[in-house]
Amino acid sequence: MKLFTILVLCSVPGFLRPAFSQNTQPDPRQRARTAHDLVKQGTDGIPSLIPYLSDADLNVRLEAVKSLDDIGGPKTVDALVQAARDNDPEIQIRAADGLVNVYLPGYIKTGITGTLKRAGNAVKVKFPDANDQIIEGFVDVRPEVIQVLGRQTRGGASLECRANAARALGVLRGQAAVPDLTEALHSKDTQLMYEALVALQKIRDPAAGPAIGALVRDLEEKVQIAALQAVGIFRTQEAAPEVRKALERASNSRVRREALTALAMIADPADHPLFVRYLADKDDGLRAAAAEGIARLKNPVDRQHMEEMFTAEHGLSPRLSIAFAVVGLGNREVSEFSPLQYLVNNLNSKVYRPTAMAFLTELARDLSLRQAIYPQLKSATKDEKTGLSIVFARSGDQDSEPYLETLQKDPDPDVMQEGMRSLRTLRARLP
């Protein structure tokens, strides 16, 4: 019976391999090669890789985490969480990117792992400028993943590790790690502060707003702009006085636009005269921001003036914002040249689609607006259908379900896929 049990266990892939590999391979280079080669076994090689994550030799541990990243998939999560606790910066970075890659396949190729260079114990990386990746709302991330990335953000092996973990938390919508991200705002390191701010923007927890207010006048423009965008997203009323000071003392037009846009998001009635004044500014961005402020204040006295401005405005960006204001002030007309139709039409524009989608998402929280748009789906273009599908997923309610169900049966495969994804997102968001 004992002999039979031993034979069965020996037949299990990898059962003896970890002990054999480490006990009979005194040469760390051979152990590293073995860890590297285990990737060929795919997910079956994961149990055999785990012991190598605790190897005394750094190169062995590195090969083990690289193999886990290459294997990928949900079965690597436990091992990558273990690797993320390593005290080496490169292993921490590779483990963090590998964890994100489980939930957002392809992330390894776009994260900082591909730029990683090592010189002794020092690790150099380059953070990509683009930082707009985020998982779908219906994707569930295991709590231990957010926890270990939060620990890295707060006390990783290097500032690069901490900044990379902060970026990862934003991609994974790691709300449980908001305290770790707000703690990172006190680091005084530009990249870490910036990554933490962008992550907080993605997570969208208003509780983080007060911790950001002091940074809207930061001396580093990159941090200042990210902070202005964040307090705008959170609509942090307490930050309004600091944002006004930032607007008054702005060193350039970009900061000035971001400050006015933040005030437009906060929408304090006290800023109504300020918005009216900037509606006449020669800068397109400032006129656009002012119109957004007017839209959110919803003062009926502004409607006629904004309708006149919509007809007269020639700048594409401010005209889009003015259309948002006119619709927000109650104009639900749908015709060839109406402001609402103008917003929908811009879903076809590669340049203005994100802005139009953001405005429609905000407006679509109103049932009357959704009811005005639903009939347009029948004659909508492909880009309009996919854009509106995302809008309904983010801001719709149960009344949106039948329309998304129709879109997921659309003959166009792209519309169909977006309809399916949006329906899942909507249902995950609804109580």
Protein backbone atom coordinates (compact mmCIF):
# COMPACT_ATOMS: atom_id res chain seq x y z
CA MET A 1 0.00 0.00 0.00
CA LYS A 2 2.82 2.41 0.89
CA LEU A 3 4.63 1.56 -2.34
CA PHE A 4 1.43 2.24 -4.33
CA THR A 5 1.00 5.65 -2.63
CA ILE A 6 4.60 6.62 -3.41
CA LEU A 7 4.20 5.61 -7.05
CA VAL A 8 0.99 7.66 -7.39
CA LEU A 9 2.57 10.74 -5.85
CA CYS A 10 5.63 10.44 -8.06
CA SER A 11 3.36 10.42 -11.09
CA VAL A 12 2.04 13.89 -10.19
CA PRO A 13 3.83 16.52 -12.37
CA GLY A 14 6.38 18.46 -10.34
CA PHE A 15 5.79 16.53 -7.08
CA LEU A 16 9.44 15.73 -6.52
CA ARG A 17 10.94 18.37 -8.76
CA PRO A 18 11.18 21.33 -6.32
CA ALA A 19 12.93 19.29 -3.63
CA PHE A 20 15.14 17.57 -6.20
CA SER A 21 15.99 20.83 -7.94
CA GLN A 22 17.02 22.72 -4.83
CA ASN A 23 18.66 19.90 -2.87
CA THR A 24 20.74 18.53 -5.71
CA GLN A 25 21.58 21.78 -7.53
CA PRO A 26 24.14 23.61 -5.39
CA ASP A 27 25.02 25.83 -8.36
CA PRO A 28 22.64 28.86 -8.30
CA ARG A 29 23.10 29.27 -12.05
CA GLN A 30 21.62 25.83 -12.60
CA ARG A 31 18.71 26.63 -10.25
CA ALA A 32 18.10 29.84 -12.17
CA ARG A 33 18.05 27.91 -15.46
CA THR A 34 15.60 25.43 -13.99
CA ALA A 35 13.31 28.26 -12.83
CA HIS A 36 13.55 29.79 -16.29
CA ASP A 37 12.72 26.53 -18.05
CA LEU A 38 9.68 25.80 -15.89
CA VAL A 39 7.75 28.34 -17.95
CA LYS A 40 7.53 25.66 -20.64
CA GLN A 41 5.18 23.67 -18.39
CA GLY A 42 2.67 26.51 -18.29
CA THR A 43 0.31 26.49 -15.32
CA ASP A 44 1.50 22.98 -14.40
CA GLY A 45 4.88 24.49 -13.56
CA ILE A 46 3.55 26.97 -10.98
CA PRO A 47 3.81 24.64 -7.94
CA SER A 48 7.42 23.86 -8.89
CA LEU A 49 8.25 27.57 -9.20
CA ILE A 50 7.03 28.55 -5.75
CA PRO A 51 10.09 27.23 -3.81
CA TYR A 52 12.37 29.26 -6.06
CA LEU A 53 10.68 32.46 -4.88
CA SER A 54 12.36 31.89 -1.50
CA ASP A 55 15.78 31.00 -2.89
CA ALA A 56 18.77 32.68 -1.24
CA ASP A 57 20.11 33.71 -4.64
CA LEU A 58 18.58 36.84 -6.20
CA ASN A 59 18.95 35.65 -9.79
CA VAL A 60 17.02 32.47 -9.02
CA ARG A 61 14.17 34.47 -7.54
CA LEU A 62 14.22 36.80 -10.53
CA GLU A 63 13.94 33.93 -12.99
CA ALA A 64 11.07 32.50 -10.97
CA VAL A 65 9.03 35.72 -11.05
CA LYS A 66 9.79 36.21 -14.75
CA SER A 67 8.46 32.73 -15.44
CA LEU A 68 5.31 33.47 -13.46
CA ASP A 69 4.78 36.66 -15.47
CA ASP A 70 5.23 34.72 -18.71
CA ILE A 71 2.79 32.00 -17.63
CA GLY A 72 0.20 34.55 -16.49
CA GLY A 73 -3.41 33.88 -15.60
CA PRO A 74 -5.36 33.61 -12.33
CA LYS A 75 -3.39 30.58 -11.10
CA THR A 76 -0.27 32.74 -10.69
CA VAL A 77 -1.89 35.18 -8.24
CA ASP A 78 -0.85 33.46 -4.99
CA ALA A 79 2.74 33.05 -6.14
CA LEU A 80 2.96 36.64 -7.42
CA VAL A 81 1.56 37.97 -4.14
CA GLN A 82 4.38 36.09 -2.41
CA ALA A 83 6.92 37.54 -4.85
CA ALA A 84 5.57 41.05 -4.32
CA ARG A 85 6.69 40.78 -0.68
CA ASP A 86 10.32 40.21 -1.71
CA ASN A 87 12.77 42.92 -0.61
CA ASP A 88 14.32 43.37 -4.07
CA PRO A 89 12.99 46.29 -6.16
CA GLU A 90 13.07 44.48 -9.50
CA ILE A 91 11.16 41.49 -8.14
CA GLN A 92 8.60 43.80 -6.56
CA ILE A 93 8.07 45.63 -9.85
CA ARG A 94 7.81 42.44 -11.92
CA ALA A 95 5.40 40.90 -9.41
CA ALA A 96 3.22 44.03 -9.33
CA ASP A 97 3.00 44.22 -13.12
CA GLY A 98 2.32 40.49 -13.28
CA LEU A 99 -0.59 40.86 -10.86
CA VAL A 100 -2.12 43.63 -12.94
CA ASN A 101 -1.60 41.52 -16.07
CA VAL A 102 -3.84 38.82 -14.57
CA TYR A 103 -6.78 41.21 -14.55
CA LEU A 104 -5.80 43.30 -17.58
CA PRO A 105 -4.09 40.96 -20.07
CA GLY A 106 -1.35 42.69 -22.04
CA TYR A 107 -0.41 45.07 -19.25
CA ILE A 108 3.08 43.55 -18.96
CA LYS A 109 3.87 44.92 -22.41
CA THR A 110 2.71 48.46 -21.59
CA GLY A 111 3.90 48.75 -17.95
CA ILE A 112 7.35 49.72 -16.77
CA THR A 113 8.69 46.15 -16.72
CA GLY A 114 9.71 46.44 -20.37
CA THR A 115 11.87 49.50 -19.60
CA LEU A 116 13.58 48.00 -16.57
CA LYS A 117 17.40 48.20 -16.42
CA ARG A 118 19.53 46.96 -13.57
CA ALA A 119 23.00 47.99 -12.38
CA GLY A 120 23.91 46.07 -9.25
CA ASN A 121 21.22 46.68 -6.67
CA ALA A 122 19.96 49.79 -8.46
CA VAL A 123 16.97 49.53 -10.79
CA LYS A 124 16.10 52.16 -13.37
CA VAL A 125 12.74 52.34 -15.12
CA LYS A 126 10.85 54.70 -17.37
CA PHE A 127 7.19 55.41 -16.67
CA PRO A 128 5.11 55.62 -19.88
CA ASP A 129 3.37 58.97 -20.32
CA ALA A 130 0.04 57.28 -21.04
CA ASN A 131 -1.71 56.32 -17.81
CA ASP A 132 -5.33 55.73 -18.79
CA GLN A 133 -5.64 51.96 -18.40
CA ILE A 134 -8.26 50.64 -15.99
CA ILE A 135 -10.13 47.36 -15.56
CA GLU A 136 -13.82 47.03 -16.33
CA GLY A 137 -16.20 47.75 -13.49
CA PHE A 138 -17.41 44.14 -13.35
CA VAL A 139 -13.92 42.67 -12.80
CA ASP A 140 -13.35 41.51 -9.21
CA VAL A 141 -9.82 41.73 -7.84
CA ARG A 142 -8.81 39.52 -4.95
CA PRO A 143 -8.35 41.54 -1.70
CA GLU A 144 -4.84 40.21 -1.05
CA VAL A 145 -3.70 41.68 -4.38
CA ILE A 146 -4.83 45.18 -3.40
CA GLN A 147 -3.36 44.69 0.06
CA VAL A 148 0.12 43.75 -1.14
CA LEU A 149 0.15 46.58 -3.71
CA GLY A 150 -0.92 48.97 -0.98
CA ARG A 151 2.01 47.82 1.14
CA GLN A 152 4.35 48.38 -1.78
CA THR A 153 2.95 51.89 -2.31
CA ARG A 154 3.52 52.76 1.32
CA GLY A 155 6.90 51.10 1.81
CA GLY A 156 8.26 49.48 -1.35
CA ALA A 157 11.95 48.70 -1.84
CA SER A 158 12.46 51.89 -3.88
CA LEU A 159 10.57 54.98 -4.92
CA GLU A 160 10.15 53.43 -8.38
CA CYS A 161 8.52 50.38 -6.80
CA ARG A 162 6.18 52.57 -4.79
CA ALA A 163 5.20 54.65 -7.81
CA ASN A 164 4.65 51.54 -9.92
CA ALA A 165 2.46 49.98 -7.22
CA ALA A 166 0.42 53.19 -7.03
CA ARG A 167 -0.12 53.05 -10.78
CA ALA A 168 -1.17 49.40 -10.46
CA LEU A 169 -3.73 50.28 -7.79
CA GLY A 170 -5.31 52.82 -10.11
CA VAL A 171 -5.58 50.30 -12.93
CA LEU A 172 -7.19 47.78 -10.55
CA ARG A 173 -9.53 50.32 -8.91
CA GLY A 174 -8.01 49.45 -5.54
CA GLN A 175 -10.33 51.35 -3.24
CA ALA A 176 -9.18 49.48 -0.13
CA ALA A 177 -5.72 51.00 -0.65
CA VAL A 178 -6.89 54.63 -0.69
CA PRO A 179 -5.18 55.26 2.72
CA ASP A 180 -1.90 53.98 1.24
CA LEU A 181 -2.27 56.26 -1.77
CA THR A 182 -3.07 59.33 0.32
CA GLU A 183 -0.04 58.56 2.48
CA ALA A 184 2.09 58.54 -0.68
CA LEU A 185 1.06 62.15 -1.34
CA HIS A 186 3.38 63.17 1.50
CA SER A 187 6.44 61.54 -0.07
CA LYS A 188 7.77 64.66 -1.82
CA ASP A 189 8.78 62.45 -4.77
CA THR A 190 7.22 63.84 -7.95
CA GLN A 191 6.60 60.53 -9.75
CA LEU A 192 5.15 58.81 -6.70
CA MET A 193 2.88 61.75 -5.90
CA TYR A 194 1.74 61.95 -9.51
CA GLU A 195 1.00 58.22 -9.76
CA ALA A 196 -0.91 58.31 -6.48
CA LEU A 197 -3.00 61.26 -7.66
CA VAL A 198 -3.88 59.58 -10.96
CA ALA A 199 -4.73 56.35 -9.14
CA LEU A 200 -7.06 58.24 -6.81
CA GLN A 201 -8.72 59.84 -9.84
CA LYS A 202 -9.43 56.38 -11.26
CA ILE A 203 -10.72 54.98 -7.98
CA ARG A 204 -12.95 58.04 -7.48
CA ASP A 205 -13.37 57.87 -3.73
CA PRO A 206 -14.47 61.39 -2.65
CA ALA A 207 -13.02 60.72 0.80
CA ALA A 208 -9.59 61.31 -0.71
CA GLY A 209 -10.48 64.87 -1.79
CA PRO A 210 -9.45 66.77 1.37
CA ALA A 211 -6.00 65.15 1.35
CA ILE A 212 -5.36 66.51 -2.14
CA GLY A 213 -6.41 70.13 -1.65
CA ALA A 214 -3.01 71.35 -0.48
CA LEU A 215 -1.34 70.08 -3.67
CA VAL A 216 -3.28 72.29 -6.11
CA ARG A 217 -0.55 74.91 -5.67
CA ASP A 218 2.38 72.49 -5.72
CA LEU A 219 5.55 73.86 -7.30
CA GLU A 220 5.85 70.83 -9.60
CA GLU A 221 3.47 71.51 -12.49
CA LYS A 222 2.92 67.80 -13.13
CA VAL A 223 1.73 67.28 -9.56
CA GLN A 224 -0.25 70.51 -9.49
CA ILE A 225 -2.23 69.66 -12.63
CA ALA A 226 -2.97 66.12 -11.41
CA ALA A 227 -4.14 67.57 -8.08
CA LEU A 228 -6.39 70.11 -9.81
CA GLN A 229 -7.91 67.34 -11.92
CA ALA A 230 -8.45 65.20 -8.83
CA VAL A 231 -10.23 67.81 -6.71
CA GLY A 232 -12.38 68.54 -9.74
CA ILE A 233 -13.33 64.88 -10.14
CA PHE A 234 -14.10 64.62 -6.42
CA ARG A 235 -15.82 68.05 -6.46
CA THR A 236 -14.05 68.88 -3.22
CA GLN A 237 -15.75 72.04 -1.97
CA GLU A 238 -13.10 72.57 0.71
CA ALA A 239 -10.46 72.93 -1.99
CA ALA A 240 -12.24 75.74 -3.86
CA PRO A 241 -10.36 78.62 -2.14
CA GLU A 242 -6.98 77.03 -2.99
CA VAL A 243 -8.09 76.39 -6.56
CA ARG A 244 -9.08 80.04 -6.95
CA LYS A 245 -5.62 81.07 -5.75
CA ALA A 246 -4.08 78.67 -8.25
CA LEU A 247 -6.17 80.27 -11.01
CA GLU A 248 -5.10 83.77 -10.02
CA ARG A 249 -1.41 82.88 -9.75
CA ALA A 250 -1.20 80.41 -12.64
CA SER A 251 2.23 80.47 -14.28
CA ASN A 252 0.91 79.41 -17.70
CA SER A 253 -2.28 78.87 -19.68
CA ARG A 254 -2.38 75.13 -19.07
CA VAL A 255 -2.50 75.51 -15.29
CA ARG A 256 -5.05 78.31 -15.67
CA ARG A 257 -7.32 76.06 -17.76
CA GLU A 258 -7.03 73.16 -15.31
CA ALA A 259 -7.80 75.43 -12.37
CA LEU A 260 -10.90 76.88 -14.03
CA THR A 261 -11.99 73.38 -15.09
CA ALA A 262 -11.64 72.22 -11.47
CA LEU A 263 -13.83 75.10 -10.31
CA ALA A 264 -16.32 74.18 -13.03
CA MET A 265 -16.47 70.65 -11.61
CA ILE A 266 -16.83 71.88 -8.02
CA ALA A 267 -19.61 74.21 -9.21
CA ASP A 268 -19.79 76.64 -6.32
CA PRO A 269 -22.54 79.26 -6.99
CA ALA A 270 -20.10 81.89 -5.74
CA ASP A 271 -18.08 81.34 -8.94
CA HIS A 272 -20.95 82.23 -11.29
CA PRO A 273 -19.58 85.73 -12.03
CA LEU A 274 -16.17 84.18 -12.67
CA PHE A 275 -17.59 81.75 -15.23
CA VAL A 276 -19.57 84.52 -16.95
CA ARG A 277 -16.40 86.61 -17.23
CA TYR A 278 -14.37 83.78 -18.76
CA LEU A 279 -17.10 83.03 -21.33
CA ALA A 280 -15.74 86.03 -23.22
CA ASP A 281 -12.05 85.04 -22.95
CA LYS A 282 -10.06 84.67 -26.16
CA ASP A 283 -8.64 81.32 -25.00
CA ASP A 284 -10.74 78.38 -26.27
CA GLY A 285 -9.90 76.23 -23.25
CA LEU A 286 -10.97 78.88 -20.77
CA ARG A 287 -14.25 79.50 -22.61
CA ALA A 288 -14.89 75.77 -22.59
CA ALA A 289 -14.21 75.47 -18.85
CA ALA A 290 -16.44 78.46 -18.11
CA ALA A 291 -19.30 76.90 -20.08
CA GLU A 292 -18.92 73.69 -18.09
CA GLY A 293 -19.22 75.68 -14.88
CA ILE A 294 -22.39 77.34 -16.14
CA ALA A 295 -23.75 73.91 -17.08
CA ARG A 296 -23.31 72.51 -13.58
CA LEU A 297 -24.70 75.54 -11.75
CA LYS A 298 -27.98 75.01 -13.64
CA ASN A 299 -29.10 78.62 -13.24
CA PRO A 300 -32.13 79.06 -15.57
CA VAL A 301 -31.18 82.67 -16.33
CA ASP A 302 -28.16 81.39 -18.31
CA ARG A 303 -30.07 79.25 -20.80
CA GLN A 304 -30.87 81.87 -23.42
CA HIS A 305 -27.35 83.29 -23.39
CA MET A 306 -25.82 79.82 -23.78
CA GLU A 307 -28.17 78.96 -26.65
CA GLU A 308 -27.08 82.15 -28.41
CA MET A 309 -23.43 81.29 -27.76
CA PHE A 310 -23.92 77.79 -29.19
CA THR A 311 -25.09 79.32 -32.47
CA ALA A 312 -22.28 81.90 -32.59
CA GLU A 313 -19.30 79.87 -31.31
CA HIS A 314 -16.81 78.62 -33.94
CA GLY A 315 -14.24 76.93 -31.70
CA LEU A 316 -14.89 73.17 -31.65
CA SER A 317 -13.88 72.58 -28.03
CA PRO A 318 -15.83 75.47 -26.47
CA ARG A 319 -18.83 74.72 -28.71
CA LEU A 320 -18.93 71.18 -27.34
CA SER A 321 -18.86 72.54 -23.78
CA ILE A 322 -21.54 75.10 -24.60
CA ALA A 323 -23.71 72.28 -26.02
CA PHE A 324 -23.22 70.48 -22.72
CA ALA A 325 -24.40 73.62 -20.91
CA VAL A 326 -27.47 74.10 -23.10
CA VAL A 327 -28.56 70.49 -22.63
CA GLY A 328 -27.75 70.65 -18.92
CA LEU A 329 -29.95 73.72 -18.61
CA GLY A 330 -32.94 71.78 -19.91
CA ASN A 331 -32.87 71.77 -23.72
CA ARG A 332 -33.75 68.19 -24.71
CA GLU A 333 -34.50 68.89 -28.37
CA VAL A 334 -33.22 66.28 -30.79
CA SER A 335 -32.86 67.59 -34.32
CA GLU A 336 -30.14 67.83 -36.94
CA PHE A 337 -28.55 70.94 -35.46
CA SER A 338 -29.58 70.71 -31.82
CA PRO A 339 -26.97 70.80 -29.01
CA LEU A 340 -27.86 67.28 -27.88
CA GLN A 341 -27.44 65.90 -31.37
CA TYR A 342 -24.12 67.78 -31.60
CA LEU A 343 -22.88 65.94 -28.50
CA VAL A 344 -23.95 62.58 -29.96
CA ASN A 345 -22.41 63.39 -33.35
CA ASN A 346 -19.04 64.03 -31.72
CA LEU A 347 -18.88 60.41 -30.62
CA ASN A 348 -17.75 59.89 -34.24
CA SER A 349 -14.76 62.19 -33.75
CA LYS A 350 -11.48 60.57 -32.74
CA VAL A 351 -10.35 63.83 -31.13
CA TYR A 352 -13.54 64.88 -29.32
CA ARG A 353 -15.12 61.48 -28.60
CA PRO A 354 -13.72 61.26 -25.02
CA THR A 355 -15.03 64.73 -24.17
CA ALA A 356 -18.44 64.11 -25.73
CA MET A 357 -18.68 60.79 -23.91
CA ALA A 358 -17.80 62.43 -20.58
CA PHE A 359 -20.48 65.10 -21.05
CA LEU A 360 -23.12 62.57 -22.10
CA THR A 361 -22.21 60.34 -19.17
CA GLU A 362 -22.81 63.21 -16.77
CA LEU A 363 -26.05 64.25 -18.48
CA ALA A 364 -27.37 60.68 -18.74
CA ARG A 365 -27.82 60.45 -14.99
CA ASP A 366 -31.07 62.28 -15.74
CA LEU A 367 -33.84 59.92 -16.89
CA SER A 368 -35.36 62.54 -19.21
CA LEU A 369 -32.04 62.82 -21.06
CA ARG A 370 -31.75 59.06 -21.49
CA GLN A 371 -35.32 58.91 -22.79
CA ALA A 372 -34.45 61.58 -25.35
CA ILE A 373 -31.47 59.56 -26.59
CA TYR A 374 -32.90 56.02 -26.67
CA PRO A 375 -34.88 56.54 -29.92
CA GLN A 376 -31.69 57.71 -31.66
CA LEU A 377 -30.05 54.29 -31.28
CA LYS A 378 -31.94 52.88 -34.26
CA SER A 379 -30.29 55.28 -36.71
CA ALA A 380 -27.00 55.74 -34.83
CA THR A 381 -23.62 55.07 -36.42
CA LYS A 382 -21.30 52.34 -35.14
CA ASP A 383 -19.25 54.84 -33.10
CA GLU A 384 -22.39 56.43 -31.71
CA LYS A 385 -23.75 53.06 -30.65
CA THR A 386 -20.55 52.01 -28.89
CA GLY A 387 -20.20 55.41 -27.25
CA LEU A 388 -23.77 55.50 -26.01
CA SER A 389 -23.44 51.92 -24.83
CA ILE A 390 -20.60 53.00 -22.53
CA VAL A 391 -22.59 56.06 -21.42
CA PHE A 392 -25.56 53.91 -20.40
CA ALA A 393 -23.27 51.45 -18.62
CA ARG A 394 -21.81 54.25 -16.52
CA SER A 395 -24.90 56.36 -15.88
CA GLY A 396 -27.93 54.32 -16.85
CA ASP A 397 -30.43 52.50 -14.70
CA GLN A 398 -32.77 49.55 -15.13
CA ASP A 399 -34.50 51.43 -17.96
CA SER A 400 -31.22 51.11 -19.94
CA GLU A 401 -31.09 47.32 -19.84
CA PRO A 402 -33.46 46.63 -22.79
CA TYR A 403 -31.46 48.97 -25.03
CA LEU A 404 -28.13 47.39 -24.09
CA GLU A 405 -29.66 43.96 -24.63
CA THR A 406 -30.58 45.10 -28.14
CA LEU A 407 -27.06 46.42 -28.77
CA GLN A 408 -25.50 43.11 -27.74
CA LYS A 409 -27.45 41.52 -30.61
CA ASP A 410 -26.26 44.13 -33.15
CA PRO A 411 -24.96 42.66 -36.44
CA ASP A 412 -21.73 44.67 -36.09
CA PRO A 413 -19.34 42.57 -33.94
CA ASP A 414 -17.76 45.64 -32.31
CA VAL A 415 -21.15 47.02 -31.29
CA MET A 416 -22.22 43.59 -30.09
CA GLN A 417 -19.12 43.15 -27.91
CA GLU A 418 -19.43 46.63 -26.43
CA GLY A 419 -23.12 46.02 -25.76
CA MET A 420 -22.29 42.82 -23.87
CA ARG A 421 -19.52 44.49 -21.89
CA SER A 422 -21.65 47.52 -21.07
CA LEU A 423 -24.56 45.39 -19.94
CA ARG A 424 -22.27 43.51 -17.54
CA THR A 425 -20.91 46.81 -16.24
CA LEU A 426 -24.40 48.25 -15.73
CA ARG A 427 -25.66 45.18 -13.89
CA ALA A 428 -22.56 45.11 -11.68
CA ARG A 429 -23.17 48.74 -10.76
CA LEU A 430 -26.90 48.50 -10.06
CA PRO A 431 -28.01 47.39 -6.57
